[in-house]
Amino acid sequence: MCSLPAVTGQQAVKAFSKLGFHVARTSGSHYIMKKDGHRYLLSVPVHTGQTIKAGTLRGLIAAAGTTPEEFAKIVS
């Protein structure tokens, strides 16, 4: 299993954008991301200066239909 990089919400939004997701709307401090033809919405927490917790990030990666290894390559 790959160790995930520590990423902020903004970095995660950029990475998911590279995977074809776009920001559909915002809900408070969360960006709701959608991909056409994809089953799930992603609710990415964007709190200024804070990194996303590992469990939350793993759940978002799984919901996006990618692997932690692929996500780590996109972020770096």
C-alpha atoms as a PDB file:
ATOM      1  CA  MET A   1       0.000   0.000   0.000  1.00  0.00           C
ATOM      2  CA  CYS A   2       1.245   3.446  -0.947  1.00  0.00           C
ATOM      3  CA  SER A   3       1.636   6.149   1.658  1.00  0.00           C
ATOM      4  CA  LEU A   4      -0.421   9.165   0.747  1.00  0.00           C
ATOM      5  CA  PRO A   5       1.142  12.593   0.483  1.00  0.00           C
ATOM      6  CA  ALA A   6      -0.144  15.268   2.843  1.00  0.00           C
ATOM      7  CA  VAL A   7      -2.296  17.537   0.663  1.00  0.00           C
ATOM      8  CA  THR A   8      -4.457  20.543   1.347  1.00  0.00           C
ATOM      9  CA  GLY A   9      -7.987  20.835   0.040  1.00  0.00           C
ATOM     10  CA  GLN A  10      -6.894  23.105  -2.816  1.00  0.00           C
ATOM     11  CA  GLN A  11      -4.223  20.604  -3.897  1.00  0.00           C
ATOM     12  CA  ALA A  12      -6.797  17.807  -3.843  1.00  0.00           C
ATOM     13  CA  VAL A  13      -9.220  19.865  -5.949  1.00  0.00           C
ATOM     14  CA  LYS A  14      -6.471  20.430  -8.546  1.00  0.00           C
ATOM     15  CA  ALA A  15      -5.586  16.721  -8.583  1.00  0.00           C
ATOM     16  CA  PHE A  16      -9.203  15.614  -8.997  1.00  0.00           C
ATOM     17  CA  SER A  17      -9.594  18.202 -11.757  1.00  0.00           C
ATOM     18  CA  LYS A  18      -6.776  16.452 -13.632  1.00  0.00           C
ATOM     19  CA  LEU A  19      -8.823  13.244 -13.325  1.00  0.00           C
ATOM     20  CA  GLY A  20     -11.773  14.885 -15.092  1.00  0.00           C
ATOM     21  CA  PHE A  21     -13.798  16.175 -12.147  1.00  0.00           C
ATOM     22  CA  HIS A  22     -15.027  19.768 -11.981  1.00  0.00           C
ATOM     23  CA  VAL A  23     -16.396  21.895  -9.156  1.00  0.00           C
ATOM     24  CA  ALA A  24     -20.173  21.704  -9.446  1.00  0.00           C
ATOM     25  CA  ARG A  25     -20.873  23.870  -6.407  1.00  0.00           C
ATOM     26  CA  THR A  26     -19.631  24.780  -2.967  1.00  0.00           C
ATOM     27  CA  SER A  27     -21.268  24.021   0.339  1.00  0.00           C
ATOM     28  CA  GLY A  28     -19.668  26.024   3.106  1.00  0.00           C
ATOM     29  CA  SER A  29     -16.018  25.002   3.245  1.00  0.00           C
ATOM     30  CA  HIS A  30     -16.462  21.969   0.973  1.00  0.00           C
ATOM     31  CA  TYR A  31     -16.176  21.807  -2.805  1.00  0.00           C
ATOM     32  CA  ILE A  32     -18.640  19.409  -4.416  1.00  0.00           C
ATOM     33  CA  MET A  33     -16.965  17.892  -7.464  1.00  0.00           C
ATOM     34  CA  LYS A  34     -18.671  16.002 -10.267  1.00  0.00           C
ATOM     35  CA  LYS A  35     -17.566  14.068 -13.321  1.00  0.00           C
ATOM     36  CA  ASP A  36     -19.911  13.421 -16.226  1.00  0.00           C
ATOM     37  CA  GLY A  37     -20.894   9.762 -16.352  1.00  0.00           C
ATOM     38  CA  HIS A  38     -19.430   9.075 -12.903  1.00  0.00           C
ATOM     39  CA  ARG A  39     -21.607   7.629 -10.187  1.00  0.00           C
ATOM     40  CA  TYR A  40     -20.382   9.582  -7.156  1.00  0.00           C
ATOM     41  CA  LEU A  41     -19.957  13.206  -6.128  1.00  0.00           C
ATOM     42  CA  LEU A  42     -16.818  14.151  -4.217  1.00  0.00           C
ATOM     43  CA  SER A  43     -17.116  16.462  -1.223  1.00  0.00           C
ATOM     44  CA  VAL A  44     -13.607  17.851  -0.765  1.00  0.00           C
ATOM     45  CA  PRO A  45     -13.002  19.795   2.498  1.00  0.00           C
ATOM     46  CA  VAL A  46     -11.118  23.016   1.760  1.00  0.00           C
ATOM     47  CA  HIS A  47      -9.985  24.523   5.054  1.00  0.00           C
ATOM     48  CA  THR A  48      -7.261  27.109   4.620  1.00  0.00           C
ATOM     49  CA  GLY A  49      -3.856  25.851   5.704  1.00  0.00           C
ATOM     50  CA  GLN A  50      -5.060  22.426   6.849  1.00  0.00           C
ATOM     51  CA  THR A  51      -4.263  19.104   5.263  1.00  0.00           C
ATOM     52  CA  ILE A  52      -6.929  16.517   4.564  1.00  0.00           C
ATOM     53  CA  LYS A  53      -6.873  13.597   7.001  1.00  0.00           C
ATOM     54  CA  ALA A  54      -5.617  10.316   5.559  1.00  0.00           C
ATOM     55  CA  GLY A  55      -8.891   8.412   5.976  1.00  0.00           C
ATOM     56  CA  THR A  56     -10.900  11.167   4.323  1.00  0.00           C
ATOM     57  CA  LEU A  57      -8.441  11.362   1.442  1.00  0.00           C
ATOM     58  CA  ARG A  58      -8.501   7.582   0.942  1.00  0.00           C
ATOM     59  CA  GLY A  59     -12.300   7.665   0.801  1.00  0.00           C
ATOM     60  CA  LEU A  60     -12.255  10.446  -1.784  1.00  0.00           C
ATOM     61  CA  ILE A  61      -9.700   8.582  -3.885  1.00  0.00           C
ATOM     62  CA  ALA A  62     -11.783   5.394  -3.782  1.00  0.00           C
ATOM     63  CA  ALA A  63     -14.967   7.299  -4.679  1.00  0.00           C
ATOM     64  CA  ALA A  64     -13.117   8.877  -7.614  1.00  0.00           C
ATOM     65  CA  GLY A  65     -12.334   5.398  -8.925  1.00  0.00           C
ATOM     66  CA  THR A  66      -8.560   5.717  -8.803  1.00  0.00           C
ATOM     67  CA  THR A  67      -5.790   4.262  -6.676  1.00  0.00           C
ATOM     68  CA  PRO A  68      -3.600   5.949  -4.050  1.00  0.00           C
ATOM     69  CA  GLU A  69      -0.560   5.328  -6.269  1.00  0.00           C
ATOM     70  CA  GLU A  70      -2.129   7.132  -9.241  1.00  0.00           C
ATOM     71  CA  PHE A  71      -3.261   9.996  -7.004  1.00  0.00           C
ATOM     72  CA  ALA A  72       0.251  10.365  -5.537  1.00  0.00           C
ATOM     73  CA  LYS A  73       1.696  10.628  -9.071  1.00  0.00           C
ATOM     74  CA  ILE A  74      -0.818  13.322 -10.013  1.00  0.00           C
ATOM     75  CA  VAL A  75      -0.159  15.395  -6.895  1.00  0.00           C
ATOM     76  CA  SER A  76       3.631  15.300  -7.189  1.00  0.00           C
END
